[in-house]
Amino acid sequence: MIRRRVAILISGRGSNMSALIEAAKAADYPAEISLVISNRPDAAGLAWARAEGIPTAVVDHTTYGQDREAFERALQAVLEVHRIEFVCLAGFMRLLSPWLVERWHGRMLNVHPALLPAFKGLDTHRRALAAGAKVHGATVHLVAAEVDSGPIIMQETVPIVTGDTVETLAARVLEAEHRIYPEALKKLARAANK
């Protein structure tokens, strides 16, 4: 079995990163986490990845000011050095330009805390509660140039219950993210191996 080389891009604590790393420890998992990159030098997830023996890198977006393409070219260079085949965005809080997205067409995944196409963008739990939604959930999708709009790989529905707050709903959705993100990456990596 070929284990596809995966980079995870983070900006913070990396809880979805942790779920992917744990899943990839299985002998029959078709992907290996080969690199974790953060755009923030102080991202807590970097220490966790290092403790797991995974190479890490920082490409600090603030170094590049408003030049998004220069930042993304630096990011791309690191991905190439590490021979990365797939990229997983896991709480990576940067909008990516078509320049980078096109280079990873069909090979870049994102997890979003809502049932897309509903509630694209930020603050999804508050918006779902305010809209009176009966269900919410998580989506793993391929990244496209338009935010939160790429083809859906996997979703899990989370019921909204009486008394839910943003915090209680967010906690249940995060659990769903941790279940479906590793499964979606497995599906993508297995398809690449056929």
C-alpha atoms as a PDB file:
ATOM      1  CA  MET A   1       0.000   0.000   0.000  1.00  0.00           C
ATOM      2  CA  ILE A   2       1.252   3.455  -0.921  1.00  0.00           C
ATOM      3  CA  ARG A   3       0.944   5.909   1.945  1.00  0.00           C
ATOM      4  CA  ARG A   4       0.375   9.372   0.483  1.00  0.00           C
ATOM      5  CA  ARG A   5       2.446  12.236   1.943  1.00  0.00           C
ATOM      6  CA  VAL A   6       0.172  14.783   3.630  1.00  0.00           C
ATOM      7  CA  ALA A   7       0.836  18.247   5.028  1.00  0.00           C
ATOM      8  CA  ILE A   8      -1.534  19.795   7.555  1.00  0.00           C
ATOM      9  CA  LEU A   9      -1.815  23.580   7.647  1.00  0.00           C
ATOM     10  CA  ILE A  10      -2.784  25.091  11.012  1.00  0.00           C
ATOM     11  CA  SER A  11      -3.048  28.472  12.691  1.00  0.00           C
ATOM     12  CA  GLY A  12      -3.828  27.455  16.269  1.00  0.00           C
ATOM     13  CA  ARG A  13      -4.147  24.495  18.605  1.00  0.00           C
ATOM     14  CA  GLY A  14      -4.716  21.936  15.868  1.00  0.00           C
ATOM     15  CA  SER A  15      -7.435  19.683  17.271  1.00  0.00           C
ATOM     16  CA  ASN A  16      -8.375  18.443  13.778  1.00  0.00           C
ATOM     17  CA  MET A  17      -4.662  18.030  13.088  1.00  0.00           C
ATOM     18  CA  SER A  18      -4.478  15.761  16.147  1.00  0.00           C
ATOM     19  CA  ALA A  19      -7.389  13.660  14.864  1.00  0.00           C
ATOM     20  CA  LEU A  20      -5.650  13.229  11.498  1.00  0.00           C
ATOM     21  CA  ILE A  21      -2.341  12.314  13.150  1.00  0.00           C
ATOM     22  CA  GLU A  22      -4.031   9.712  15.365  1.00  0.00           C
ATOM     23  CA  ALA A  23      -5.855   8.146  12.399  1.00  0.00           C
ATOM     24  CA  ALA A  24      -2.641   7.987  10.356  1.00  0.00           C
ATOM     25  CA  LYS A  25      -1.004   5.840  13.059  1.00  0.00           C
ATOM     26  CA  ALA A  26      -3.064   2.859  11.863  1.00  0.00           C
ATOM     27  CA  ALA A  27      -0.979   0.469   9.772  1.00  0.00           C
ATOM     28  CA  ASP A  28      -3.622   0.294   7.035  1.00  0.00           C
ATOM     29  CA  TYR A  29      -4.213   4.059   6.774  1.00  0.00           C
ATOM     30  CA  PRO A  30      -3.374   5.168   3.188  1.00  0.00           C
ATOM     31  CA  ALA A  31      -1.782   8.496   4.171  1.00  0.00           C
ATOM     32  CA  GLU A  32       1.041   9.626   6.425  1.00  0.00           C
ATOM     33  CA  ILE A  33       1.276  13.016   8.074  1.00  0.00           C
ATOM     34  CA  SER A  34       4.637  14.163   6.752  1.00  0.00           C
ATOM     35  CA  LEU A  35       4.583  17.835   7.711  1.00  0.00           C
ATOM     36  CA  VAL A  36       2.685  20.402   9.779  1.00  0.00           C
ATOM     37  CA  ILE A  37       2.941  24.035   8.694  1.00  0.00           C
ATOM     38  CA  SER A  38       1.626  27.049  10.575  1.00  0.00           C
ATOM     39  CA  ASN A  39       1.314  30.647   9.483  1.00  0.00           C
ATOM     40  CA  ARG A  40       1.718  31.617  13.169  1.00  0.00           C
ATOM     41  CA  PRO A  41       4.987  30.888  15.012  1.00  0.00           C
ATOM     42  CA  ASP A  42       3.118  30.569  18.338  1.00  0.00           C
ATOM     43  CA  ALA A  43       0.500  28.048  17.160  1.00  0.00           C
ATOM     44  CA  ALA A  44       0.056  25.495  19.941  1.00  0.00           C
ATOM     45  CA  GLY A  45      -0.365  22.680  17.432  1.00  0.00           C
ATOM     46  CA  LEU A  46       3.284  22.947  16.372  1.00  0.00           C
ATOM     47  CA  ALA A  47       4.507  21.659  19.743  1.00  0.00           C
ATOM     48  CA  TRP A  48       2.008  18.796  19.623  1.00  0.00           C
ATOM     49  CA  ALA A  49       3.145  17.788  16.126  1.00  0.00           C
ATOM     50  CA  ARG A  50       6.809  17.925  17.175  1.00  0.00           C
ATOM     51  CA  ALA A  51       6.028  15.744  20.191  1.00  0.00           C
ATOM     52  CA  GLU A  52       4.560  13.215  17.741  1.00  0.00           C
ATOM     53  CA  GLY A  53       7.797  13.265  15.730  1.00  0.00           C
ATOM     54  CA  ILE A  54       6.310  15.094  12.757  1.00  0.00           C
ATOM     55  CA  PRO A  55       8.420  17.722  10.984  1.00  0.00           C
ATOM     56  CA  THR A  56       7.059  21.250  11.338  1.00  0.00           C
ATOM     57  CA  ALA A  57       7.589  24.540   9.565  1.00  0.00           C
ATOM     58  CA  VAL A  58       6.439  28.120  10.009  1.00  0.00           C
ATOM     59  CA  VAL A  59       5.658  30.401   7.095  1.00  0.00           C
ATOM     60  CA  ASP A  60       4.694  33.573   8.948  1.00  0.00           C
ATOM     61  CA  HIS A  61       2.162  35.478   6.852  1.00  0.00           C
ATOM     62  CA  THR A  62       2.988  38.762   8.607  1.00  0.00           C
ATOM     63  CA  THR A  63       6.444  38.685   7.010  1.00  0.00           C
ATOM     64  CA  TYR A  64       4.823  39.221   3.609  1.00  0.00           C
ATOM     65  CA  GLY A  65       2.517  42.128   4.504  1.00  0.00           C
ATOM     66  CA  GLN A  66      -0.357  42.328   2.022  1.00  0.00           C
ATOM     67  CA  ASP A  67       1.434  40.237  -0.618  1.00  0.00           C
ATOM     68  CA  ARG A  68      -0.632  37.052  -0.474  1.00  0.00           C
ATOM     69  CA  GLU A  69       1.057  35.529  -3.494  1.00  0.00           C
ATOM     70  CA  ALA A  70       4.529  35.928  -1.975  1.00  0.00           C
ATOM     71  CA  PHE A  71       3.281  34.191   1.184  1.00  0.00           C
ATOM     72  CA  GLU A  72       1.737  31.383  -0.852  1.00  0.00           C
ATOM     73  CA  ARG A  73       4.862  30.959  -2.989  1.00  0.00           C
ATOM     74  CA  ALA A  74       6.873  30.501   0.219  1.00  0.00           C
ATOM     75  CA  LEU A  75       4.292  27.989   1.446  1.00  0.00           C
ATOM     76  CA  GLN A  76       4.397  26.135  -1.887  1.00  0.00           C
ATOM     77  CA  ALA A  77       8.205  25.954  -1.725  1.00  0.00           C
ATOM     78  CA  VAL A  78       8.049  24.239   1.685  1.00  0.00           C
ATOM     79  CA  LEU A  79       5.415  21.782   0.425  1.00  0.00           C
ATOM     80  CA  GLU A  80       7.599  20.923  -2.564  1.00  0.00           C
ATOM     81  CA  VAL A  81      10.737  20.378  -0.452  1.00  0.00           C
ATOM     82  CA  HIS A  82       8.808  17.844   1.632  1.00  0.00           C
ATOM     83  CA  ARG A  83       7.341  16.119  -1.474  1.00  0.00           C
ATOM     84  CA  ILE A  84       3.783  16.635  -0.250  1.00  0.00           C
ATOM     85  CA  GLU A  85       0.967  15.006  -2.233  1.00  0.00           C
ATOM     86  CA  PHE A  86      -2.109  16.190  -0.305  1.00  0.00           C
ATOM     87  CA  VAL A  87      -2.826  19.201   1.901  1.00  0.00           C
ATOM     88  CA  CYS A  88      -5.329  19.315   4.767  1.00  0.00           C
ATOM     89  CA  LEU A  89      -6.427  22.679   6.130  1.00  0.00           C
ATOM     90  CA  ALA A  90      -7.147  22.323   9.839  1.00  0.00           C
ATOM     91  CA  GLY A  91      -8.041  25.652  11.379  1.00  0.00           C
ATOM     92  CA  PHE A  92      -5.777  27.444   8.900  1.00  0.00           C
ATOM     93  CA  MET A  93      -7.105  30.988   9.149  1.00  0.00           C
ATOM     94  CA  ARG A  94      -5.911  32.380   5.825  1.00  0.00           C
ATOM     95  CA  LEU A  95      -7.910  32.816   2.652  1.00  0.00           C
ATOM     96  CA  LEU A  96      -6.046  31.168  -0.194  1.00  0.00           C
ATOM     97  CA  SER A  97      -5.795  32.699  -3.640  1.00  0.00           C
ATOM     98  CA  PRO A  98      -6.616  30.894  -6.884  1.00  0.00           C
ATOM     99  CA  TRP A  99      -2.838  30.758  -7.508  1.00  0.00           C
ATOM    100  CA  LEU A 100      -2.331  28.192  -4.720  1.00  0.00           C
ATOM    101  CA  VAL A 101      -5.736  26.517  -4.894  1.00  0.00           C
ATOM    102  CA  GLU A 102      -5.248  25.614  -8.569  1.00  0.00           C
ATOM    103  CA  ARG A 103      -1.864  24.014  -7.857  1.00  0.00           C
ATOM    104  CA  TRP A 104      -3.574  21.685  -5.381  1.00  0.00           C
ATOM    105  CA  HIS A 105      -6.763  21.087  -7.372  1.00  0.00           C
ATOM    106  CA  GLY A 106      -8.350  17.858  -6.135  1.00  0.00           C
ATOM    107  CA  ARG A 107      -5.616  17.405  -3.512  1.00  0.00           C
ATOM    108  CA  MET A 108      -6.469  20.008  -0.844  1.00  0.00           C
ATOM    109  CA  LEU A 109      -9.099  19.331   1.826  1.00  0.00           C
ATOM    110  CA  ASN A 110     -10.792  21.612   4.328  1.00  0.00           C
ATOM    111  CA  VAL A 111     -13.092  20.895   7.245  1.00  0.00           C
ATOM    112  CA  HIS A 112     -15.912  23.380   7.876  1.00  0.00           C
ATOM    113  CA  PRO A 113     -18.134  23.562  10.978  1.00  0.00           C
ATOM    114  CA  ALA A 114     -21.470  23.567   9.148  1.00  0.00           C
ATOM    115  CA  LEU A 115     -23.469  21.528   6.665  1.00  0.00           C
ATOM    116  CA  LEU A 116     -22.383  23.233   3.477  1.00  0.00           C
ATOM    117  CA  PRO A 117     -23.690  24.939   1.454  1.00  0.00           C
ATOM    118  CA  ALA A 118     -25.398  26.404   4.553  1.00  0.00           C
ATOM    119  CA  PHE A 119     -23.441  28.840   6.739  1.00  0.00           C
ATOM    120  CA  LYS A 120     -20.321  29.421   4.692  1.00  0.00           C
ATOM    121  CA  GLY A 121     -17.653  31.561   6.370  1.00  0.00           C
ATOM    122  CA  LEU A 122     -17.195  32.313  10.052  1.00  0.00           C
ATOM    123  CA  ASP A 123     -19.362  32.177  13.200  1.00  0.00           C
ATOM    124  CA  THR A 124     -21.364  29.214  11.924  1.00  0.00           C
ATOM    125  CA  HIS A 125     -22.748  27.990  15.260  1.00  0.00           C
ATOM    126  CA  ARG A 126     -24.142  31.371  16.288  1.00  0.00           C
ATOM    127  CA  ARG A 127     -25.672  31.841  12.859  1.00  0.00           C
ATOM    128  CA  ALA A 128     -27.265  28.357  12.887  1.00  0.00           C
ATOM    129  CA  LEU A 129     -28.825  29.006  16.298  1.00  0.00           C
ATOM    130  CA  ALA A 130     -30.024  32.471  15.256  1.00  0.00           C
ATOM    131  CA  ALA A 131     -31.620  31.028  12.118  1.00  0.00           C
ATOM    132  CA  GLY A 132     -33.572  28.490  14.179  1.00  0.00           C
ATOM    133  CA  ALA A 133     -31.953  25.555  12.371  1.00  0.00           C
ATOM    134  CA  LYS A 134     -32.966  22.105  13.607  1.00  0.00           C
ATOM    135  CA  VAL A 135     -29.684  20.496  12.547  1.00  0.00           C
ATOM    136  CA  HIS A 136     -26.124  21.648  12.091  1.00  0.00           C
ATOM    137  CA  GLY A 137     -22.967  19.658  11.458  1.00  0.00           C
ATOM    138  CA  ALA A 138     -19.590  19.406   9.773  1.00  0.00           C
ATOM    139  CA  THR A 139     -18.385  19.132   6.185  1.00  0.00           C
ATOM    140  CA  VAL A 140     -15.116  18.019   4.625  1.00  0.00           C
ATOM    141  CA  HIS A 141     -14.715  19.363   1.106  1.00  0.00           C
ATOM    142  CA  LEU A 142     -12.144  19.873  -1.592  1.00  0.00           C
ATOM    143  CA  VAL A 143     -10.862  23.437  -1.617  1.00  0.00           C
ATOM    144  CA  ALA A 144     -11.983  25.660  -4.483  1.00  0.00           C
ATOM    145  CA  ALA A 145     -11.215  29.293  -5.253  1.00  0.00           C
ATOM    146  CA  GLU A 146     -14.515  30.442  -3.716  1.00  0.00           C
ATOM    147  CA  VAL A 147     -14.545  30.069   0.087  1.00  0.00           C
ATOM    148  CA  ASP A 148     -16.303  26.943   1.413  1.00  0.00           C
ATOM    149  CA  SER A 149     -17.610  25.987  -2.019  1.00  0.00           C
ATOM    150  CA  GLY A 150     -15.589  22.996  -3.255  1.00  0.00           C
ATOM    151  CA  PRO A 151     -17.002  19.511  -3.863  1.00  0.00           C
ATOM    152  CA  ILE A 152     -18.203  17.841  -0.670  1.00  0.00           C
ATOM    153  CA  ILE A 153     -16.404  14.630   0.328  1.00  0.00           C
ATOM    154  CA  MET A 154     -18.198  13.880   3.598  1.00  0.00           C
ATOM    155  CA  GLN A 155     -20.695  15.403   6.052  1.00  0.00           C
ATOM    156  CA  GLU A 156     -22.065  14.535   9.469  1.00  0.00           C
ATOM    157  CA  THR A 157     -25.273  15.986  10.866  1.00  0.00           C
ATOM    158  CA  VAL A 158     -25.443  17.186  14.470  1.00  0.00           C
ATOM    159  CA  PRO A 159     -28.894  17.840  15.953  1.00  0.00           C
ATOM    160  CA  ILE A 160     -29.562  21.176  17.588  1.00  0.00           C
ATOM    161  CA  VAL A 161     -31.245  20.533  20.924  1.00  0.00           C
ATOM    162  CA  THR A 162     -33.270  22.728  23.248  1.00  0.00           C
ATOM    163  CA  GLY A 163     -30.986  24.842  25.399  1.00  0.00           C
ATOM    164  CA  ASP A 164     -28.020  24.626  23.044  1.00  0.00           C
ATOM    165  CA  THR A 165     -25.543  27.472  23.291  1.00  0.00           C
ATOM    166  CA  VAL A 166     -22.842  28.391  20.824  1.00  0.00           C
ATOM    167  CA  GLU A 167     -20.374  26.537  23.075  1.00  0.00           C
ATOM    168  CA  THR A 168     -22.355  23.305  23.490  1.00  0.00           C
ATOM    169  CA  LEU A 169     -23.165  23.139  19.788  1.00  0.00           C
ATOM    170  CA  ALA A 170     -19.553  23.908  18.830  1.00  0.00           C
ATOM    171  CA  ALA A 171     -18.297  21.075  21.053  1.00  0.00           C
ATOM    172  CA  ARG A 172     -20.589  18.504  19.393  1.00  0.00           C
ATOM    173  CA  VAL A 173     -19.741  19.734  15.897  1.00  0.00           C
ATOM    174  CA  LEU A 174     -16.021  19.510  16.690  1.00  0.00           C
ATOM    175  CA  GLU A 175     -16.480  15.861  17.663  1.00  0.00           C
ATOM    176  CA  ALA A 176     -18.120  15.262  14.279  1.00  0.00           C
ATOM    177  CA  GLU A 177     -15.211  17.030  12.526  1.00  0.00           C
ATOM    178  CA  HIS A 178     -12.760  14.735  14.308  1.00  0.00           C
ATOM    179  CA  ARG A 179     -14.671  11.684  13.032  1.00  0.00           C
ATOM    180  CA  ILE A 180     -15.179  12.668   9.408  1.00  0.00           C
ATOM    181  CA  TYR A 181     -11.908  14.441   8.568  1.00  0.00           C
ATOM    182  CA  PRO A 182      -9.742  11.303   8.893  1.00  0.00           C
ATOM    183  CA  GLU A 183     -12.352   9.307   6.946  1.00  0.00           C
ATOM    184  CA  ALA A 184     -12.437  11.865   4.136  1.00  0.00           C
ATOM    185  CA  LEU A 185      -8.641  11.921   3.860  1.00  0.00           C
ATOM    186  CA  LYS A 186      -8.624   8.115   3.806  1.00  0.00           C
ATOM    187  CA  LYS A 187     -11.175   8.142   0.984  1.00  0.00           C
ATOM    188  CA  LEU A 188      -9.149  10.647  -1.069  1.00  0.00           C
ATOM    189  CA  ALA A 189      -5.832   8.834  -0.516  1.00  0.00           C
ATOM    190  CA  ARG A 190      -7.336   5.448  -1.390  1.00  0.00           C
ATOM    191  CA  ALA A 191      -8.802   6.885  -4.613  1.00  0.00           C
ATOM    192  CA  ALA A 192      -5.331   8.171  -5.528  1.00  0.00           C
ATOM    193  CA  ASN A 193      -3.912   4.671  -5.011  1.00  0.00           C
ATOM    194  CA  LYS A 194      -6.300   3.048  -7.513  1.00  0.00           C
END
